[in-house]
Amino acid sequence: MKGEVANDGETRGENTSMGYVQRALGATLIIWLSLVVVNIAAFGLSESLRVAGVERNENVLITFLVSLGLILLALWLLPQSFLTLKEER
């Protein structure tokens, strides 16, 4: 009986650390994918503004503000457990 309990505790410890690593990798992947989407959107917006004839300084300002807004929106929409790596209860 005691041997079974010790093995069960060791397994739970391994699952806990593995779960943390998986959550960390999942959160990192989602954040990177969000940044890639924002980067693609910013590039598309910048090129669209350039083709439309917007001045370079205004183009950079508009693209920066839209990118910042998209990043803040993505952070707001992500569950807090992704950013803190704590399990939701």
PDB file of N, CA and C in Angstrom:
ATOM      1  N   MET A   1       0.800  -1.189   0.000  1.00  0.00           N
ATOM      2  CA  MET A   1       0.000   0.000   0.000  1.00  0.00           C
ATOM      3  C   MET A   1       0.849   1.262   0.000  1.00  0.00           C
ATOM      4  N   LYS A   2       1.864   1.292   0.858  1.00  0.00           N
ATOM      5  CA  LYS A   2       2.684   2.483   0.920  1.00  0.00           C
ATOM      6  C   LYS A   2       3.430   2.714  -0.387  1.00  0.00           C
ATOM      7  N   GLY A   3       3.869   1.633  -1.024  1.00  0.00           N
ATOM      8  CA  GLY A   3       4.561   1.757  -2.302  1.00  0.00           C
ATOM      9  C   GLY A   3       3.642   2.317  -3.376  1.00  0.00           C
ATOM     10  N   GLU A   4       2.368   1.922  -3.334  1.00  0.00           N
ATOM     11  CA  GLU A   4       1.421   2.419  -4.312  1.00  0.00           C
ATOM     12  C   GLU A   4       1.169   3.903  -4.126  1.00  0.00           C
ATOM     13  N   VAL A   5       1.088   4.343  -2.905  1.00  0.00           N
ATOM     14  CA  VAL A   5       0.855   5.760  -2.625  1.00  0.00           C
ATOM     15  C   VAL A   5       2.044   6.596  -3.092  1.00  0.00           C
ATOM     16  N   ALA A   6       3.257   6.100  -2.840  1.00  0.00           N
ATOM     17  CA  ALA A   6       4.454   6.838  -3.255  1.00  0.00           C
ATOM     18  C   ALA A   6       4.501   6.948  -4.771  1.00  0.00           C
ATOM     19  N   ASN A   7       4.173   5.880  -5.470  1.00  0.00           N
ATOM     20  CA  ASN A   7       4.176   5.929  -6.927  1.00  0.00           C
ATOM     21  C   ASN A   7       3.108   6.877  -7.448  1.00  0.00           C
ATOM     22  N   ASP A   8       1.965   6.879  -6.782  1.00  0.00           N
ATOM     23  CA  ASP A   8       0.895   7.772  -7.198  1.00  0.00           C
ATOM     24  C   ASP A   8       1.317   9.232  -7.030  1.00  0.00           C
ATOM     25  N   GLY A   9       2.004   9.536  -5.936  1.00  0.00           N
ATOM     26  CA  GLY A   9       2.483  10.901  -5.708  1.00  0.00           C
ATOM     27  C   GLY A   9       3.522  11.318  -6.727  1.00  0.00           C
ATOM     28  N   GLU A  10       4.397  10.390  -7.069  1.00  0.00           N
ATOM     29  CA  GLU A  10       5.408  10.709  -8.071  1.00  0.00           C
ATOM     30  C   GLU A  10       4.759  10.963  -9.420  1.00  0.00           C
ATOM     31  N   THR A  11       3.756  10.171  -9.756  1.00  0.00           N
ATOM     32  CA  THR A  11       3.073  10.350 -11.029  1.00  0.00           C
ATOM     33  C   THR A  11       2.363  11.698 -11.069  1.00  0.00           C
ATOM     34  N   ARG A  12       1.716  12.067  -9.978  1.00  0.00           N
ATOM     35  CA  ARG A  12       1.056  13.366  -9.933  1.00  0.00           C
ATOM     36  C   ARG A  12       2.062  14.497 -10.086  1.00  0.00           C
ATOM     37  N   GLY A  13       3.217  14.384  -9.489  1.00  0.00           N
ATOM     38  CA  GLY A  13       4.249  15.409  -9.620  1.00  0.00           C
ATOM     39  C   GLY A  13       4.742  15.531 -11.048  1.00  0.00           C
ATOM     40  N   GLU A  14       4.895  14.393 -11.708  1.00  0.00           N
ATOM     41  CA  GLU A  14       5.314  14.423 -13.106  1.00  0.00           C
ATOM     42  C   GLU A  14       4.223  15.034 -13.976  1.00  0.00           C
ATOM     43  N   ASN A  15       2.973  14.685 -13.710  1.00  0.00           N
ATOM     44  CA  ASN A  15       1.873  15.242 -14.486  1.00  0.00           C
ATOM     45  C   ASN A  15       1.748  16.740 -14.268  1.00  0.00           C
ATOM     46  N   THR A  16       1.995  17.186 -13.063  1.00  0.00           N
ATOM     47  CA  THR A  16       1.913  18.613 -12.767  1.00  0.00           C
ATOM     48  C   THR A  16       2.986  19.382 -13.522  1.00  0.00           C
ATOM     49  N   SER A  17       4.212  18.896 -13.479  1.00  0.00           N
ATOM     50  CA  SER A  17       5.277  19.605 -14.183  1.00  0.00           C
ATOM     51  C   SER A  17       5.097  19.497 -15.690  1.00  0.00           C
ATOM     52  N   MET A  18       4.639  18.352 -16.185  1.00  0.00           N
ATOM     53  CA  MET A  18       4.413  18.206 -17.611  1.00  0.00           C
ATOM     54  C   MET A  18       3.245  19.090 -18.045  1.00  0.00           C
ATOM     55  N   GLY A  19       2.215  19.174 -17.196  1.00  0.00           N
ATOM     56  CA  GLY A  19       1.089  20.043 -17.506  1.00  0.00           C
ATOM     57  C   GLY A  19       1.512  21.498 -17.581  1.00  0.00           C
ATOM     58  N   TYR A  20       2.406  21.905 -16.693  1.00  0.00           N
ATOM     59  CA  TYR A  20       2.900  23.275 -16.717  1.00  0.00           C
ATOM     60  C   TYR A  20       3.672  23.547 -17.996  1.00  0.00           C
ATOM     61  N   VAL A  21       4.522  22.603 -18.391  1.00  0.00           N
ATOM     62  CA  VAL A  21       5.307  22.776 -19.618  1.00  0.00           C
ATOM     63  C   VAL A  21       4.378  22.840 -20.826  1.00  0.00           C
ATOM     64  N   GLN A  22       3.371  21.994 -20.860  1.00  0.00           N
ATOM     65  CA  GLN A  22       2.432  22.017 -21.969  1.00  0.00           C
ATOM     66  C   GLN A  22       1.640  23.318 -22.001  1.00  0.00           C
ATOM     67  N   ARG A  23       1.211  23.807 -20.835  1.00  0.00           N
ATOM     68  CA  ARG A  23       0.499  25.089 -20.800  1.00  0.00           C
ATOM     69  C   ARG A  23       1.402  26.219 -21.242  1.00  0.00           C
ATOM     70  N   ALA A  24       2.673  26.189 -20.815  1.00  0.00           N
ATOM     71  CA  ALA A  24       3.619  27.241 -21.204  1.00  0.00           C
ATOM     72  C   ALA A  24       3.856  27.227 -22.712  1.00  0.00           C
ATOM     73  N   LEU A  25       4.035  26.044 -23.276  1.00  0.00           N
ATOM     74  CA  LEU A  25       4.235  25.947 -24.723  1.00  0.00           C
ATOM     75  C   LEU A  25       2.984  26.367 -25.487  1.00  0.00           C
ATOM     76  N   GLY A  26       1.824  25.965 -24.992  1.00  0.00           N
ATOM     77  CA  GLY A  26       0.574  26.357 -25.643  1.00  0.00           C
ATOM     78  C   GLY A  26       0.360  27.869 -25.601  1.00  0.00           C
ATOM     79  N   ALA A  27       0.624  28.469 -24.447  1.00  0.00           N
ATOM     80  CA  ALA A  27       0.464  29.916 -24.318  1.00  0.00           C
ATOM     81  C   ALA A  27       1.459  30.656 -25.205  1.00  0.00           C
ATOM     82  N   THR A  28       2.692  30.164 -25.246  1.00  0.00           N
ATOM     83  CA  THR A  28       3.707  30.790 -26.096  1.00  0.00           C
ATOM     84  C   THR A  28       3.308  30.703 -27.560  1.00  0.00           C
ATOM     85  N   LEU A  29       2.809  29.557 -27.972  1.00  0.00           N
ATOM     86  CA  LEU A  29       2.388  29.382 -29.357  1.00  0.00           C
ATOM     87  C   LEU A  29       1.246  30.325 -29.710  1.00  0.00           C
ATOM     88  N   ILE A  30       0.266  30.436 -28.845  1.00  0.00           N
ATOM     89  CA  ILE A  30      -0.871  31.311 -29.126  1.00  0.00           C
ATOM     90  C   ILE A  30      -0.444  32.773 -29.175  1.00  0.00           C
ATOM     91  N   ILE A  31       0.429  33.185 -28.286  1.00  0.00           N
ATOM     92  CA  ILE A  31       0.903  34.574 -28.294  1.00  0.00           C
ATOM     93  C   ILE A  31       1.700  34.858 -29.560  1.00  0.00           C
ATOM     94  N   TRP A  32       2.574  33.924 -29.953  1.00  0.00           N
ATOM     95  CA  TRP A  32       3.345  34.106 -31.186  1.00  0.00           C
ATOM     96  C   TRP A  32       2.430  34.155 -32.404  1.00  0.00           C
ATOM     97  N   LEU A  33       1.432  33.288 -32.445  1.00  0.00           N
ATOM     98  CA  LEU A  33       0.492  33.310 -33.571  1.00  0.00           C
ATOM     99  C   LEU A  33      -0.277  34.636 -33.612  1.00  0.00           C
ATOM    100  N   SER A  34      -0.649  35.149 -32.465  1.00  0.00           N
ATOM    101  CA  SER A  34      -1.326  36.449 -32.420  1.00  0.00           C
ATOM    102  C   SER A  34      -0.426  37.548 -32.966  1.00  0.00           C
ATOM    103  N   LEU A  35       0.842  37.509 -32.583  1.00  0.00           N
ATOM    104  CA  LEU A  35       1.772  38.522 -33.082  1.00  0.00           C
ATOM    105  C   LEU A  35       2.011  38.392 -34.585  1.00  0.00           C
ATOM    106  N   VAL A  36       2.029  37.172 -35.089  1.00  0.00           N
ATOM    107  CA  VAL A  36       2.187  36.963 -36.532  1.00  0.00           C
ATOM    108  C   VAL A  36       0.983  37.539 -37.279  1.00  0.00           C
ATOM    109  N   VAL A  37      -0.212  37.304 -36.767  1.00  0.00           N
ATOM    110  CA  VAL A  37      -1.418  37.837 -37.402  1.00  0.00           C
ATOM    111  C   VAL A  37      -1.396  39.363 -37.385  1.00  0.00           C
ATOM    112  N   VAL A  38      -1.001  39.951 -36.269  1.00  0.00           N
ATOM    113  CA  VAL A  38      -0.911  41.413 -36.175  1.00  0.00           C
ATOM    114  C   VAL A  38       0.138  41.938 -37.155  1.00  0.00           C
ATOM    115  N   ASN A  39       1.257  41.249 -37.282  1.00  0.00           N
ATOM    116  CA  ASN A  39       2.315  41.665 -38.192  1.00  0.00           C
ATOM    117  C   ASN A  39       1.834  41.628 -39.641  1.00  0.00           C
ATOM    118  N   ILE A  40       1.128  40.576 -40.015  1.00  0.00           N
ATOM    119  CA  ILE A  40       0.597  40.473 -41.378  1.00  0.00           C
ATOM    120  C   ILE A  40      -0.439  41.561 -41.634  1.00  0.00           C
ATOM    121  N   ALA A  41      -1.304  41.806 -40.658  1.00  0.00           N
ATOM    122  CA  ALA A  41      -2.308  42.863 -40.809  1.00  0.00           C
ATOM    123  C   ALA A  41      -1.648  44.233 -40.928  1.00  0.00           C
ATOM    124  N   ALA A  42      -0.608  44.479 -40.153  1.00  0.00           N
ATOM    125  CA  ALA A  42       0.091  45.761 -40.206  1.00  0.00           C
ATOM    126  C   ALA A  42       0.775  45.948 -41.559  1.00  0.00           C
ATOM    127  N   PHE A  43       1.375  44.887 -42.076  1.00  0.00           N
ATOM    128  CA  PHE A  43       2.020  44.979 -43.387  1.00  0.00           C
ATOM    129  C   PHE A  43       0.989  45.268 -44.471  1.00  0.00           C
ATOM    130  N   GLY A  44      -0.135  44.559 -44.416  1.00  0.00           N
ATOM    131  CA  GLY A  44      -1.195  44.794 -45.399  1.00  0.00           C
ATOM    132  C   GLY A  44      -1.755  46.198 -45.311  1.00  0.00           C
ATOM    133  N   LEU A  45      -1.975  46.683 -44.112  1.00  0.00           N
ATOM    134  CA  LEU A  45      -2.472  48.043 -43.928  1.00  0.00           C
ATOM    135  C   LEU A  45      -1.468  49.066 -44.440  1.00  0.00           C
ATOM    136  N   SER A  46      -0.205  48.868 -44.120  1.00  0.00           N
ATOM    137  CA  SER A  46       0.838  49.786 -44.561  1.00  0.00           C
ATOM    138  C   SER A  46       0.911  49.863 -46.085  1.00  0.00           C
ATOM    139  N   GLU A  47       0.870  48.707 -46.727  1.00  0.00           N
ATOM    140  CA  GLU A  47       0.922  48.687 -48.192  1.00  0.00           C
ATOM    141  C   GLU A  47      -0.335  49.297 -48.800  1.00  0.00           C
ATOM    142  N   SER A  48      -1.482  49.048 -48.191  1.00  0.00           N
ATOM    143  CA  SER A  48      -2.725  49.640 -48.692  1.00  0.00           C
ATOM    144  C   SER A  48      -2.693  51.161 -48.580  1.00  0.00           C
ATOM    145  N   LEU A  49      -2.190  51.654 -47.468  1.00  0.00           N
ATOM    146  CA  LEU A  49      -2.086  53.103 -47.298  1.00  0.00           C
ATOM    147  C   LEU A  49      -1.076  53.705 -48.266  1.00  0.00           C
ATOM    148  N   ARG A  50       0.016  52.975 -48.518  1.00  0.00           N
ATOM    149  CA  ARG A  50       1.018  53.462 -49.465  1.00  0.00           C
ATOM    150  C   ARG A  50       0.431  53.565 -50.867  1.00  0.00           C
ATOM    151  N   VAL A  51      -0.326  52.549 -51.266  1.00  0.00           N
ATOM    152  CA  VAL A  51      -0.946  52.553 -52.597  1.00  0.00           C
ATOM    153  C   VAL A  51      -2.002  53.656 -52.685  1.00  0.00           C
ATOM    154  N   ALA A  52      -2.677  53.927 -51.571  1.00  0.00           N
ATOM    155  CA  ALA A  52      -3.704  54.967 -51.555  1.00  0.00           C
ATOM    156  C   ALA A  52      -3.102  56.369 -51.586  1.00  0.00           C
ATOM    157  N   GLY A  53      -1.791  56.482 -51.417  1.00  0.00           N
ATOM    158  CA  GLY A  53      -1.136  57.790 -51.517  1.00  0.00           C
ATOM    159  C   GLY A  53      -0.995  58.527 -50.205  1.00  0.00           C
ATOM    160  N   VAL A  54      -1.100  57.838 -49.099  1.00  0.00           N
ATOM    161  CA  VAL A  54      -0.932  58.475 -47.795  1.00  0.00           C
ATOM    162  C   VAL A  54       0.554  58.746 -47.574  1.00  0.00           C
ATOM    163  N   GLU A  55       0.857  59.903 -46.973  1.00  0.00           N
ATOM    164  CA  GLU A  55       2.258  60.252 -46.714  1.00  0.00           C
ATOM    165  C   GLU A  55       2.914  59.209 -45.799  1.00  0.00           C
ATOM    166  N   ARG A  56       4.229  59.124 -45.902  1.00  0.00           N
ATOM    167  CA  ARG A  56       4.965  58.085 -45.173  1.00  0.00           C
ATOM    168  C   ARG A  56       4.814  58.218 -43.652  1.00  0.00           C
ATOM    169  N   ASN A  57       4.930  59.451 -43.138  1.00  0.00           N
ATOM    170  CA  ASN A  57       4.819  59.648 -41.688  1.00  0.00           C
ATOM    171  C   ASN A  57       3.436  59.274 -41.166  1.00  0.00           C
ATOM    172  N   GLU A  58       2.409  59.679 -41.909  1.00  0.00           N
ATOM    173  CA  GLU A  58       1.048  59.333 -41.496  1.00  0.00           C
ATOM    174  C   GLU A  58       0.819  57.824 -41.603  1.00  0.00           C
ATOM    175  N   ASN A  59       1.407  57.224 -42.622  1.00  0.00           N
ATOM    176  CA  ASN A  59       1.289  55.788 -42.824  1.00  0.00           C
ATOM    177  C   ASN A  59       1.866  55.034 -41.626  1.00  0.00           C
ATOM    178  N   VAL A  60       3.049  55.440 -41.194  1.00  0.00           N
ATOM    179  CA  VAL A  60       3.697  54.780 -40.052  1.00  0.00           C
ATOM    180  C   VAL A  60       2.874  54.981 -38.788  1.00  0.00           C
ATOM    181  N   LEU A  61       2.365  56.175 -38.569  1.00  0.00           N
ATOM    182  CA  LEU A  61       1.574  56.460 -37.371  1.00  0.00           C
ATOM    183  C   LEU A  61       0.285  55.641 -37.348  1.00  0.00           C
ATOM    184  N   ILE A  62      -0.427  55.609 -38.462  1.00  0.00           N
ATOM    185  CA  ILE A  62      -1.678  54.856 -38.536  1.00  0.00           C
ATOM    186  C   ILE A  62      -1.417  53.371 -38.328  1.00  0.00           C
ATOM    187  N   THR A  63      -0.391  52.858 -38.987  1.00  0.00           N
ATOM    188  CA  THR A  63      -0.068  51.432 -38.860  1.00  0.00           C
ATOM    189  C   THR A  63       0.326  51.083 -37.429  1.00  0.00           C
ATOM    190  N   PHE A  64       1.114  51.945 -36.788  1.00  0.00           N
ATOM    191  CA  PHE A  64       1.525  51.700 -35.399  1.00  0.00           C
ATOM    192  C   PHE A  64       0.318  51.684 -34.467  1.00  0.00           C
ATOM    193  N   LEU A  65      -0.568  52.656 -34.613  1.00  0.00           N
ATOM    194  CA  LEU A  65      -1.728  52.731 -33.720  1.00  0.00           C
ATOM    195  C   LEU A  65      -2.664  51.539 -33.914  1.00  0.00           C
ATOM    196  N   VAL A  66      -2.880  51.145 -35.157  1.00  0.00           N
ATOM    197  CA  VAL A  66      -3.738  49.983 -35.407  1.00  0.00           C
ATOM    198  C   VAL A  66      -3.087  48.714 -34.856  1.00  0.00           C
ATOM    199  N   SER A  67      -1.772  48.565 -35.049  1.00  0.00           N
ATOM    200  CA  SER A  67      -1.066  47.388 -34.525  1.00  0.00           C
ATOM    201  C   SER A  67      -1.134  47.346 -33.002  1.00  0.00           C
ATOM    202  N   LEU A  68      -0.924  48.473 -32.359  1.00  0.00           N
ATOM    203  CA  LEU A  68      -1.017  48.540 -30.909  1.00  0.00           C
ATOM    204  C   LEU A  68      -2.416  48.167 -30.430  1.00  0.00           C
ATOM    205  N   GLY A  69      -3.423  48.671 -31.118  1.00  0.00           N
ATOM    206  CA  GLY A  69      -4.804  48.326 -30.768  1.00  0.00           C
ATOM    207  C   GLY A  69      -5.084  46.839 -30.936  1.00  0.00           C
ATOM    208  N   LEU A  70      -4.563  46.235 -32.003  1.00  0.00           N
ATOM    209  CA  LEU A  70      -4.776  44.800 -32.217  1.00  0.00           C
ATOM    210  C   LEU A  70      -4.067  43.970 -31.154  1.00  0.00           C
ATOM    211  N   ILE A  71      -2.859  44.365 -30.767  1.00  0.00           N
ATOM    212  CA  ILE A  71      -2.130  43.637 -29.724  1.00  0.00           C
ATOM    213  C   ILE A  71      -2.871  43.736 -28.390  1.00  0.00           C
ATOM    214  N   LEU A  72      -3.342  44.931 -28.047  1.00  0.00           N
ATOM    215  CA  LEU A  72      -4.091  45.092 -26.799  1.00  0.00           C
ATOM    216  C   LEU A  72      -5.400  44.308 -26.828  1.00  0.00           C
ATOM    217  N   LEU A  73      -6.057  44.271 -27.983  1.00  0.00           N
ATOM    218  CA  LEU A  73      -7.287  43.497 -28.121  1.00  0.00           C
ATOM    219  C   LEU A  73      -7.005  42.007 -27.949  1.00  0.00           C
ATOM    220  N   ALA A  74      -5.923  41.526 -28.543  1.00  0.00           N
ATOM    221  CA  ALA A  74      -5.563  40.110 -28.407  1.00  0.00           C
ATOM    222  C   ALA A  74      -5.258  39.772 -26.950  1.00  0.00           C
ATOM    223  N   LEU A  75      -4.527  40.636 -26.250  1.00  0.00           N
ATOM    224  CA  LEU A  75      -4.227  40.386 -24.841  1.00  0.00           C
ATOM    225  C   LEU A  75      -5.483  40.414 -23.986  1.00  0.00           C
ATOM    226  N   TRP A  76      -6.417  41.276 -24.329  1.00  0.00           N
ATOM    227  CA  TRP A  76      -7.656  41.383 -23.574  1.00  0.00           C
ATOM    228  C   TRP A  76      -8.536  40.153 -23.796  1.00  0.00           C
ATOM    229  N   LEU A  77      -8.523  39.613 -25.024  1.00  0.00           N
ATOM    230  CA  LEU A  77      -9.371  38.470 -25.347  1.00  0.00           C
ATOM    231  C   LEU A  77      -8.805  37.145 -24.848  1.00  0.00           C
ATOM    232  N   LEU A  78      -7.490  37.073 -24.660  1.00  0.00           N
ATOM    233  CA  LEU A  78      -6.892  35.837 -24.163  1.00  0.00           C
ATOM    234  C   LEU A  78      -7.312  35.614 -22.712  1.00  0.00           C
ATOM    235  N   PRO A  79      -7.593  34.374 -22.357  1.00  0.00           N
ATOM    236  CA  PRO A  79      -7.899  34.106 -20.946  1.00  0.00           C
ATOM    237  C   PRO A  79      -6.688  34.437 -20.073  1.00  0.00           C
ATOM    238  N   GLN A  80      -6.947  34.864 -18.859  1.00  0.00           N
ATOM    239  CA  GLN A  80      -5.867  35.238 -17.956  1.00  0.00           C
ATOM    240  C   GLN A  80      -4.964  34.048 -17.655  1.00  0.00           C
ATOM    241  N   SER A  81      -5.505  32.838 -17.736  1.00  0.00           N
ATOM    242  CA  SER A  81      -4.695  31.660 -17.436  1.00  0.00           C
ATOM    243  C   SER A  81      -3.576  31.475 -18.451  1.00  0.00           C
ATOM    244  N   PHE A  82      -3.730  32.002 -19.685  1.00  0.00           N
ATOM    245  CA  PHE A  82      -2.638  31.924 -20.664  1.00  0.00           C
ATOM    246  C   PHE A  82      -1.480  32.817 -20.254  1.00  0.00           C
ATOM    247  N   LEU A  83      -1.786  33.950 -19.694  1.00  0.00           N
ATOM    248  CA  LEU A  83      -0.736  34.920 -19.377  1.00  0.00           C
ATOM    249  C   LEU A  83      -0.055  34.599 -18.050  1.00  0.00           C
ATOM    250  N   THR A  84      -0.801  34.007 -17.113  1.00  0.00           N
ATOM    251  CA  THR A  84      -0.211  33.690 -15.806  1.00  0.00           C
ATOM    252  C   THR A  84       0.226  32.231 -15.697  1.00  0.00           C
ATOM    253  N   LEU A  85      -0.203  31.404 -16.656  1.00  0.00           N
ATOM    254  CA  LEU A  85       0.098  29.974 -16.689  1.00  0.00           C
ATOM    255  C   LEU A  85      -0.465  29.226 -15.483  1.00  0.00           C
ATOM    256  N   LYS A  86      -1.533  29.772 -14.899  1.00  0.00           N
ATOM    257  CA  LYS A  86      -2.218  29.087 -13.803  1.00  0.00           C
ATOM    258  C   LYS A  86      -3.457  28.417 -14.361  1.00  0.00           C
ATOM    259  N   GLU A  87      -3.823  27.289 -13.765  1.00  0.00           N
ATOM    260  CA  GLU A  87      -5.010  26.589 -14.206  1.00  0.00           C
ATOM    261  C   GLU A  87      -6.259  27.358 -13.781  1.00  0.00           C
ATOM    262  N   GLU A  88      -7.274  27.329 -14.651  1.00  0.00           N
ATOM    263  CA  GLU A  88      -8.539  27.937 -14.276  1.00  0.00           C
ATOM    264  C   GLU A  88      -9.248  27.027 -13.301  1.00  0.00           C
ATOM    265  N   ARG A  89      -9.881  27.608 -12.311  1.00  0.00           N
ATOM    266  CA  ARG A  89     -10.580  26.794 -11.305  1.00  0.00           C
ATOM    267  C   ARG A  89     -12.046  27.102 -11.327  1.00  0.00           C
TER     268      ARG A  89
END
